[in-house]
Amino acid sequence: MQLAFFTRIKETCSAKSNRSFISWLINEISFFNDATSFLSDSISFFTEAISDFKEFTSFLTIPSEGSIEINSIYKYSVSESSIILNLII
């Protein structure tokens, strides 16, 4: 819609310098719209990823040493500074 509006303005201008300026302006506005759309999508993606991570870790309490089983599928072995995830078969 915005692009159509600026295209009509561009068509009504008769001077060559005005047309080139309006072409440049349309390109800049289009680039800005694309950039803000990309930024919005990126923020949504990271917000969703953080939410999923918080949901996953909300029920998980890992002891300082020993091991813990979750749903009898994954076993987390914890030692001093490393966490090892083993699939229980």
PDB file of N, CA and C in Angstrom:
ATOM      1  N   MET A   1       0.820  -1.185   0.000  1.00  0.00           N
ATOM      2  CA  MET A   1       0.000   0.000   0.000  1.00  0.00           C
ATOM      3  C   MET A   1       0.864   1.249   0.000  1.00  0.00           C
ATOM      4  N   GLN A   2       1.870   1.288   0.882  1.00  0.00           N
ATOM      5  CA  GLN A   2       2.763   2.442   0.926  1.00  0.00           C
ATOM      6  C   GLN A   2       3.525   2.570  -0.380  1.00  0.00           C
ATOM      7  N   LEU A   3       3.954   1.438  -0.912  1.00  0.00           N
ATOM      8  CA  LEU A   3       4.715   1.457  -2.157  1.00  0.00           C
ATOM      9  C   LEU A   3       3.858   1.983  -3.298  1.00  0.00           C
ATOM     10  N   ALA A   4       2.595   1.611  -3.339  1.00  0.00           N
ATOM     11  CA  ALA A   4       1.700   2.112  -4.384  1.00  0.00           C
ATOM     12  C   ALA A   4       1.519   3.621  -4.258  1.00  0.00           C
ATOM     13  N   PHE A   5       1.420   4.115  -3.040  1.00  0.00           N
ATOM     14  CA  PHE A   5       1.281   5.553  -2.815  1.00  0.00           C
ATOM     15  C   PHE A   5       2.494   6.306  -3.351  1.00  0.00           C
ATOM     16  N   PHE A   6       3.693   5.806  -3.013  1.00  0.00           N
ATOM     17  CA  PHE A   6       4.904   6.475  -3.476  1.00  0.00           C
ATOM     18  C   PHE A   6       5.110   6.299  -4.976  1.00  0.00           C
ATOM     19  N   THR A   7       4.637   5.210  -5.523  1.00  0.00           N
ATOM     20  CA  THR A   7       4.732   5.012  -6.968  1.00  0.00           C
ATOM     21  C   THR A   7       3.874   6.038  -7.693  1.00  0.00           C
ATOM     22  N   ARG A   8       2.688   6.310  -7.168  1.00  0.00           N
ATOM     23  CA  ARG A   8       1.836   7.345  -7.779  1.00  0.00           C
ATOM     24  C   ARG A   8       2.485   8.717  -7.696  1.00  0.00           C
ATOM     25  N   ILE A   9       3.114   9.020  -6.570  1.00  0.00           N
ATOM     26  CA  ILE A   9       3.816  10.305  -6.453  1.00  0.00           C
ATOM     27  C   ILE A   9       4.935  10.372  -7.476  1.00  0.00           C
ATOM     28  N   LYS A  10       5.657   9.275  -7.612  1.00  0.00           N
ATOM     29  CA  LYS A  10       6.758   9.225  -8.567  1.00  0.00           C
ATOM     30  C   LYS A  10       6.253   9.483  -9.988  1.00  0.00           C
ATOM     31  N   GLU A  11       5.138   8.903 -10.347  1.00  0.00           N
ATOM     32  CA  GLU A  11       4.602   9.062 -11.699  1.00  0.00           C
ATOM     33  C   GLU A  11       4.109  10.478 -11.967  1.00  0.00           C
ATOM     34  N   THR A  12       3.669  11.172 -10.942  1.00  0.00           N
ATOM     35  CA  THR A  12       3.156  12.527 -11.143  1.00  0.00           C
ATOM     36  C   THR A  12       4.255  13.574 -11.218  1.00  0.00           C
ATOM     37  N   CYS A  13       5.440  13.249 -10.743  1.00  0.00           N
ATOM     38  CA  CYS A  13       6.549  14.213 -10.806  1.00  0.00           C
ATOM     39  C   CYS A  13       7.112  14.227 -12.220  1.00  0.00           C
ATOM     40  N   SER A  14       7.329  15.426 -12.742  1.00  0.00           N
ATOM     41  CA  SER A  14       7.816  15.524 -14.116  1.00  0.00           C
ATOM     42  C   SER A  14       9.313  15.773 -14.188  1.00  0.00           C
ATOM     43  N   ALA A  15       9.891  16.386 -13.174  1.00  0.00           N
ATOM     44  CA  ALA A  15      11.325  16.698 -13.220  1.00  0.00           C
ATOM     45  C   ALA A  15      12.137  15.430 -12.979  1.00  0.00           C
ATOM     46  N   LYS A  16      13.220  15.303 -13.748  1.00  0.00           N
ATOM     47  CA  LYS A  16      14.056  14.097 -13.654  1.00  0.00           C
ATOM     48  C   LYS A  16      14.689  13.967 -12.271  1.00  0.00           C
ATOM     49  N   SER A  17      15.148  15.065 -11.694  1.00  0.00           N
ATOM     50  CA  SER A  17      15.783  14.996 -10.378  1.00  0.00           C
ATOM     51  C   SER A  17      14.780  14.579  -9.309  1.00  0.00           C
ATOM     52  N   ASN A  18      13.549  15.056  -9.423  1.00  0.00           N
ATOM     53  CA  ASN A  18      12.519  14.643  -8.464  1.00  0.00           C
ATOM     54  C   ASN A  18      12.225  13.153  -8.585  1.00  0.00           C
ATOM     55  N   ARG A  19      12.186  12.667  -9.816  1.00  0.00           N
ATOM     56  CA  ARG A  19      11.917  11.238 -10.020  1.00  0.00           C
ATOM     57  C   ARG A  19      13.027  10.379  -9.434  1.00  0.00           C
ATOM     58  N   SER A  20      14.273  10.780  -9.640  1.00  0.00           N
ATOM     59  CA  SER A  20      15.363   9.968  -9.103  1.00  0.00           C
ATOM     60  C   SER A  20      15.377  10.022  -7.575  1.00  0.00           C
ATOM     61  N   PHE A  21      15.046  11.178  -7.018  1.00  0.00           N
ATOM     62  CA  PHE A  21      14.981  11.279  -5.559  1.00  0.00           C
ATOM     63  C   PHE A  21      13.867  10.394  -5.012  1.00  0.00           C
ATOM     64  N   ILE A  22      12.718  10.426  -5.656  1.00  0.00           N
ATOM     65  CA  ILE A  22      11.590   9.616  -5.190  1.00  0.00           C
ATOM     66  C   ILE A  22      11.889   8.131  -5.363  1.00  0.00           C
ATOM     67  N   SER A  23      12.580   7.762  -6.427  1.00  0.00           N
ATOM     68  CA  SER A  23      12.993   6.359  -6.597  1.00  0.00           C
ATOM     69  C   SER A  23      13.907   5.938  -5.457  1.00  0.00           C
ATOM     70  N   TRP A  24      14.849   6.803  -5.135  1.00  0.00           N
ATOM     71  CA  TRP A  24      15.764   6.515  -4.029  1.00  0.00           C
ATOM     72  C   TRP A  24      14.982   6.383  -2.723  1.00  0.00           C
ATOM     73  N   LEU A  25      14.029   7.299  -2.492  1.00  0.00           N
ATOM     74  CA  LEU A  25      13.227   7.282  -1.276  1.00  0.00           C
ATOM     75  C   LEU A  25      12.391   6.004  -1.178  1.00  0.00           C
ATOM     76  N   ILE A  26      11.802   5.590  -2.279  1.00  0.00           N
ATOM     77  CA  ILE A  26      11.014   4.348  -2.298  1.00  0.00           C
ATOM     78  C   ILE A  26      11.901   3.151  -1.967  1.00  0.00           C
ATOM     79  N   ASN A  27      13.089   3.111  -2.533  1.00  0.00           N
ATOM     80  CA  ASN A  27      14.017   2.010  -2.249  1.00  0.00           C
ATOM     81  C   ASN A  27      14.421   1.987  -0.779  1.00  0.00           C
ATOM     82  N   GLU A  28      14.676   3.172  -0.212  1.00  0.00           N
ATOM     83  CA  GLU A  28      15.063   3.241   1.195  1.00  0.00           C
ATOM     84  C   GLU A  28      13.925   2.792   2.111  1.00  0.00           C
ATOM     85  N   ILE A  29      12.714   3.222   1.810  1.00  0.00           N
ATOM     86  CA  ILE A  29      11.559   2.824   2.622  1.00  0.00           C
ATOM     87  C   ILE A  29      11.326   1.322   2.513  1.00  0.00           C
ATOM     88  N   SER A  30      11.466   0.780   1.324  1.00  0.00           N
ATOM     89  CA  SER A  30      11.302  -0.657   1.128  1.00  0.00           C
ATOM     90  C   SER A  30      12.353  -1.433   1.918  1.00  0.00           C
ATOM     91  N   PHE A  31      13.606  -0.966   1.875  1.00  0.00           N
ATOM     92  CA  PHE A  31      14.681  -1.609   2.629  1.00  0.00           C
ATOM     93  C   PHE A  31      14.394  -1.535   4.127  1.00  0.00           C
ATOM     94  N   PHE A  32      13.951  -0.375   4.601  1.00  0.00           N
ATOM     95  CA  PHE A  32      13.641  -0.201   6.017  1.00  0.00           C
ATOM     96  C   PHE A  32      12.515  -1.139   6.446  1.00  0.00           C
ATOM     97  N   ASN A  33      11.481  -1.266   5.621  1.00  0.00           N
ATOM     98  CA  ASN A  33      10.380  -2.183   5.939  1.00  0.00           C
ATOM     99  C   ASN A  33      10.865  -3.623   6.017  1.00  0.00           C
ATOM    100  N   ASP A  34      11.727  -4.024   5.075  1.00  0.00           N
ATOM    101  CA  ASP A  34      12.280  -5.382   5.104  1.00  0.00           C
ATOM    102  C   ASP A  34      13.126  -5.600   6.352  1.00  0.00           C
ATOM    103  N   ALA A  35      13.941  -4.598   6.701  1.00  0.00           N
ATOM    104  CA  ALA A  35      14.815  -4.724   7.869  1.00  0.00           C
ATOM    105  C   ALA A  35      14.006  -4.824   9.159  1.00  0.00           C
ATOM    106  N   THR A  36      12.968  -4.008   9.292  1.00  0.00           N
ATOM    107  CA  THR A  36      12.156  -4.077  10.512  1.00  0.00           C
ATOM    108  C   THR A  36      11.377  -5.386  10.585  1.00  0.00           C
ATOM    109  N   SER A  37      10.949  -5.902   9.454  1.00  0.00           N
ATOM    110  CA  SER A  37      10.260  -7.191   9.431  1.00  0.00           C
ATOM    111  C   SER A  37      11.206  -8.308   9.870  1.00  0.00           C
ATOM    112  N   PHE A  38      12.440  -8.289   9.362  1.00  0.00           N
ATOM    113  CA  PHE A  38      13.439  -9.285   9.747  1.00  0.00           C
ATOM    114  C   PHE A  38      13.746  -9.187  11.240  1.00  0.00           C
ATOM    115  N   LEU A  39      13.895  -7.963  11.740  1.00  0.00           N
ATOM    116  CA  LEU A  39      14.184  -7.765  13.158  1.00  0.00           C
ATOM    117  C   LEU A  39      13.038  -8.278  14.024  1.00  0.00           C
ATOM    118  N   SER A  40      11.827  -8.007  13.615  1.00  0.00           N
ATOM    119  CA  SER A  40      10.653  -8.478  14.356  1.00  0.00           C
ATOM    120  C   SER A  40      10.600 -10.005  14.382  1.00  0.00           C
ATOM    121  N   ASP A  41      10.867 -10.638  13.236  1.00  0.00           N
ATOM    122  CA  ASP A  41      10.883 -12.105  13.174  1.00  0.00           C
ATOM    123  C   ASP A  41      11.977 -12.679  14.064  1.00  0.00           C
ATOM    124  N   SER A  42      13.151 -12.038  14.065  1.00  0.00           N
ATOM    125  CA  SER A  42      14.267 -12.513  14.888  1.00  0.00           C
ATOM    126  C   SER A  42      13.935 -12.410  16.370  1.00  0.00           C
ATOM    127  N   ILE A  43      13.341 -11.300  16.771  1.00  0.00           N
ATOM    128  CA  ILE A  43      12.964 -11.125  18.178  1.00  0.00           C
ATOM    129  C   ILE A  43      11.935 -12.176  18.581  1.00  0.00           C
ATOM    130  N   SER A  44      10.971 -12.433  17.720  1.00  0.00           N
ATOM    131  CA  SER A  44       9.960 -13.459  18.015  1.00  0.00           C
ATOM    132  C   SER A  44      10.598 -14.831  18.163  1.00  0.00           C
ATOM    133  N   PHE A  45      11.546 -15.155  17.267  1.00  0.00           N
ATOM    134  CA  PHE A  45      12.222 -16.450  17.321  1.00  0.00           C
ATOM    135  C   PHE A  45      12.982 -16.609  18.633  1.00  0.00           C
ATOM    136  N   PHE A  46      13.773 -15.592  19.015  1.00  0.00           N
ATOM    137  CA  PHE A  46      14.562 -15.695  20.238  1.00  0.00           C
ATOM    138  C   PHE A  46      13.680 -15.698  21.485  1.00  0.00           C
ATOM    139  N   THR A  47      12.591 -14.948  21.469  1.00  0.00           N
ATOM    140  CA  THR A  47      11.661 -14.961  22.598  1.00  0.00           C
ATOM    141  C   THR A  47      11.051 -16.345  22.772  1.00  0.00           C
ATOM    142  N   GLU A  48      10.668 -16.963  21.661  1.00  0.00           N
ATOM    143  CA  GLU A  48      10.102 -18.310  21.710  1.00  0.00           C
ATOM    144  C   GLU A  48      11.144 -19.326  22.170  1.00  0.00           C
ATOM    145  N   ALA A  49      12.378 -19.194  21.695  1.00  0.00           N
ATOM    146  CA  ALA A  49      13.444 -20.117  22.100  1.00  0.00           C
ATOM    147  C   ALA A  49      13.728 -20.001  23.595  1.00  0.00           C
ATOM    148  N   ILE A  50      13.766 -18.786  24.111  1.00  0.00           N
ATOM    149  CA  ILE A  50      14.003 -18.587  25.544  1.00  0.00           C
ATOM    150  C   ILE A  50      12.848 -19.158  26.355  1.00  0.00           C
ATOM    151  N   SER A  51      11.637 -18.952  25.891  1.00  0.00           N
ATOM    152  CA  SER A  51      10.464 -19.493  26.579  1.00  0.00           C
ATOM    153  C   SER A  51      10.505 -21.019  26.611  1.00  0.00           C
ATOM    154  N   ASP A  52      10.859 -21.634  25.477  1.00  0.00           N
ATOM    155  CA  ASP A  52      10.963 -23.097  25.427  1.00  0.00           C
ATOM    156  C   ASP A  52      12.050 -23.602  26.363  1.00  0.00           C
ATOM    157  N   PHE A  53      13.184 -22.903  26.409  1.00  0.00           N
ATOM    158  CA  PHE A  53      14.281 -23.310  27.281  1.00  0.00           C
ATOM    159  C   PHE A  53      13.867 -23.196  28.746  1.00  0.00           C
ATOM    160  N   LYS A  54      13.191 -22.111  29.102  1.00  0.00           N
ATOM    161  CA  LYS A  54      12.724 -21.948  30.484  1.00  0.00           C
ATOM    162  C   LYS A  54      11.737 -23.046  30.853  1.00  0.00           C
ATOM    163  N   GLU A  55      10.854 -23.386  29.917  1.00  0.00           N
ATOM    164  CA  GLU A  55       9.879 -24.443  30.168  1.00  0.00           C
ATOM    165  C   GLU A  55      10.581 -25.784  30.377  1.00  0.00           C
ATOM    166  N   PHE A  56      11.615 -26.061  29.571  1.00  0.00           N
ATOM    167  CA  PHE A  56      12.345 -27.321  29.692  1.00  0.00           C
ATOM    168  C   PHE A  56      13.087 -27.405  31.013  1.00  0.00           C
ATOM    169  N   THR A  57      13.718 -26.312  31.423  1.00  0.00           N
ATOM    170  CA  THR A  57      14.540 -26.349  32.633  1.00  0.00           C
ATOM    171  C   THR A  57      13.753 -26.094  33.907  1.00  0.00           C
ATOM    172  N   SER A  58      12.478 -25.727  33.802  1.00  0.00           N
ATOM    173  CA  SER A  58      11.711 -25.394  35.005  1.00  0.00           C
ATOM    174  C   SER A  58      11.532 -26.593  35.938  1.00  0.00           C
ATOM    175  N   PHE A  59      11.425 -27.798  35.386  1.00  0.00           N
ATOM    176  CA  PHE A  59      11.218 -28.973  36.230  1.00  0.00           C
ATOM    177  C   PHE A  59      12.515 -29.718  36.514  1.00  0.00           C
ATOM    178  N   LEU A  60      13.613 -29.266  35.980  1.00  0.00           N
ATOM    179  CA  LEU A  60      14.877 -29.990  36.085  1.00  0.00           C
ATOM    180  C   LEU A  60      15.746 -29.398  37.188  1.00  0.00           C
ATOM    181  N   THR A  61      16.059 -30.201  38.169  1.00  0.00           N
ATOM    182  CA  THR A  61      16.992 -29.798  39.214  1.00  0.00           C
ATOM    183  C   THR A  61      18.130 -30.804  39.210  1.00  0.00           C
ATOM    184  N   ILE A  62      19.306 -30.351  38.852  1.00  0.00           N
ATOM    185  CA  ILE A  62      20.460 -31.244  38.763  1.00  0.00           C
ATOM    186  C   ILE A  62      21.273 -31.118  40.049  1.00  0.00           C
ATOM    187  N   PRO A  63      21.525 -32.229  40.720  1.00  0.00           N
ATOM    188  CA  PRO A  63      22.323 -32.171  41.945  1.00  0.00           C
ATOM    189  C   PRO A  63      23.779 -31.852  41.625  1.00  0.00           C
ATOM    190  N   SER A  64      24.532 -31.470  42.645  1.00  0.00           N
ATOM    191  CA  SER A  64      25.940 -31.136  42.412  1.00  0.00           C
ATOM    192  C   SER A  64      26.747 -32.371  42.043  1.00  0.00           C
ATOM    193  N   GLU A  65      26.356 -33.539  42.539  1.00  0.00           N
ATOM    194  CA  GLU A  65      27.012 -34.787  42.150  1.00  0.00           C
ATOM    195  C   GLU A  65      25.975 -35.900  42.171  1.00  0.00           C
ATOM    196  N   GLY A  66      26.219 -36.944  41.391  1.00  0.00           N
ATOM    197  CA  GLY A  66      25.295 -38.059  41.328  1.00  0.00           C
ATOM    198  C   GLY A  66      24.642 -38.113  39.965  1.00  0.00           C
ATOM    199  N   SER A  67      23.422 -38.625  39.901  1.00  0.00           N
ATOM    200  CA  SER A  67      22.724 -38.694  38.625  1.00  0.00           C
ATOM    201  C   SER A  67      21.230 -38.516  38.851  1.00  0.00           C
ATOM    202  N   ILE A  68      20.536 -38.153  37.808  1.00  0.00           N
ATOM    203  CA  ILE A  68      19.093 -37.961  37.887  1.00  0.00           C
ATOM    204  C   ILE A  68      18.476 -38.516  36.612  1.00  0.00           C
ATOM    205  N   GLU A  69      17.315 -39.158  36.722  1.00  0.00           N
ATOM    206  CA  GLU A  69      16.619 -39.684  35.558  1.00  0.00           C
ATOM    207  C   GLU A  69      15.359 -38.866  35.319  1.00  0.00           C
ATOM    208  N   ILE A  70      15.078 -38.608  34.059  1.00  0.00           N
ATOM    209  CA  ILE A  70      13.870 -37.870  33.689  1.00  0.00           C
ATOM    210  C   ILE A  70      13.046 -38.758  32.773  1.00  0.00           C
ATOM    211  N   ASN A  71      11.838 -39.088  33.200  1.00  0.00           N
ATOM    212  CA  ASN A  71      10.913 -39.912  32.416  1.00  0.00           C
ATOM    213  C   ASN A  71      11.522 -41.247  31.990  1.00  0.00           C
ATOM    214  N   SER A  72      12.512 -41.731  32.690  1.00  0.00           N
ATOM    215  CA  SER A  72      13.186 -43.001  32.402  1.00  0.00           C
ATOM    216  C   SER A  72      13.739 -43.084  30.982  1.00  0.00           C
ATOM    217  N   ILE A  73      13.960 -41.962  30.354  1.00  0.00           N
ATOM    218  CA  ILE A  73      14.524 -41.963  29.001  1.00  0.00           C
ATOM    219  C   ILE A  73      15.936 -41.389  29.017  1.00  0.00           C
ATOM    220  N   TYR A  74      16.102 -40.276  29.698  1.00  0.00           N
ATOM    221  CA  TYR A  74      17.404 -39.625  29.737  1.00  0.00           C
ATOM    222  C   TYR A  74      17.985 -39.705  31.142  1.00  0.00           C
ATOM    223  N   LYS A  75      19.269 -39.936  31.205  1.00  0.00           N
ATOM    224  CA  LYS A  75      19.947 -39.946  32.494  1.00  0.00           C
ATOM    225  C   LYS A  75      21.032 -38.875  32.457  1.00  0.00           C
ATOM    226  N   TYR A  76      20.971 -37.965  33.409  1.00  0.00           N
ATOM    227  CA  TYR A  76      21.971 -36.913  33.494  1.00  0.00           C
ATOM    228  C   TYR A  76      22.977 -37.307  34.555  1.00  0.00           C
ATOM    229  N   SER A  77      24.211 -37.525  34.132  1.00  0.00           N
ATOM    230  CA  SER A  77      25.269 -37.830  35.084  1.00  0.00           C
ATOM    231  C   SER A  77      26.007 -36.532  35.379  1.00  0.00           C
ATOM    232  N   VAL A  78      26.132 -36.212  36.650  1.00  0.00           N
ATOM    233  CA  VAL A  78      26.738 -34.941  37.032  1.00  0.00           C
ATOM    234  C   VAL A  78      27.998 -35.213  37.829  1.00  0.00           C
ATOM    235  N   SER A  79      29.090 -34.620  37.396  1.00  0.00           N
ATOM    236  CA  SER A  79      30.310 -34.647  38.183  1.00  0.00           C
ATOM    237  C   SER A  79      30.713 -33.199  38.428  1.00  0.00           C
ATOM    238  N   GLU A  80      31.886 -32.959  38.939  1.00  0.00           N
ATOM    239  CA  GLU A  80      32.284 -31.635  39.406  1.00  0.00           C
ATOM    240  C   GLU A  80      31.875 -30.499  38.468  1.00  0.00           C
ATOM    241  N   SER A  81      32.291 -30.559  37.212  1.00  0.00           N
ATOM    242  CA  SER A  81      31.992 -29.424  36.336  1.00  0.00           C
ATOM    243  C   SER A  81      31.415 -29.835  34.992  1.00  0.00           C
ATOM    244  N   SER A  82      31.064 -31.108  34.825  1.00  0.00           N
ATOM    245  CA  SER A  82      30.543 -31.533  33.528  1.00  0.00           C
ATOM    246  C   SER A  82      29.210 -32.247  33.690  1.00  0.00           C
ATOM    247  N   ILE A  83      28.356 -32.056  32.706  1.00  0.00           N
ATOM    248  CA  ILE A  83      27.067 -32.741  32.676  1.00  0.00           C
ATOM    249  C   ILE A  83      27.062 -33.623  31.437  1.00  0.00           C
ATOM    250  N   ILE A  84      26.798 -34.910  31.604  1.00  0.00           N
ATOM    251  CA  ILE A  84      26.809 -35.849  30.487  1.00  0.00           C
ATOM    252  C   ILE A  84      25.395 -36.401  30.322  1.00  0.00           C
ATOM    253  N   LEU A  85      24.872 -36.312  29.116  1.00  0.00           N
ATOM    254  CA  LEU A  85      23.527 -36.819  28.833  1.00  0.00           C
ATOM    255  C   LEU A  85      23.658 -38.169  28.142  1.00  0.00           C
ATOM    256  N   ASN A  86      23.118 -39.206  28.763  1.00  0.00           N
ATOM    257  CA  ASN A  86      23.165 -40.554  28.195  1.00  0.00           C
ATOM    258  C   ASN A  86      21.752 -41.034  27.917  1.00  0.00           C
ATOM    259  N   LEU A  87      21.552 -41.620  26.757  1.00  0.00           N
ATOM    260  CA  LEU A  87      20.261 -42.208  26.429  1.00  0.00           C
ATOM    261  C   LEU A  87      20.213 -43.603  27.032  1.00  0.00           C
ATOM    262  N   ILE A  88      19.210 -43.847  27.857  1.00  0.00           N
ATOM    263  CA  ILE A  88      19.070 -45.158  28.485  1.00  0.00           C
ATOM    264  C   ILE A  88      18.358 -46.079  27.507  1.00  0.00           C
ATOM    265  N   ILE A  89      18.993 -47.202  27.199  1.00  0.00           N
ATOM    266  CA  ILE A  89      18.422 -48.153  26.237  1.00  0.00           C
ATOM    267  C   ILE A  89      17.913 -49.371  26.979  1.00  0.00           C
TER     268      ILE A  89
END
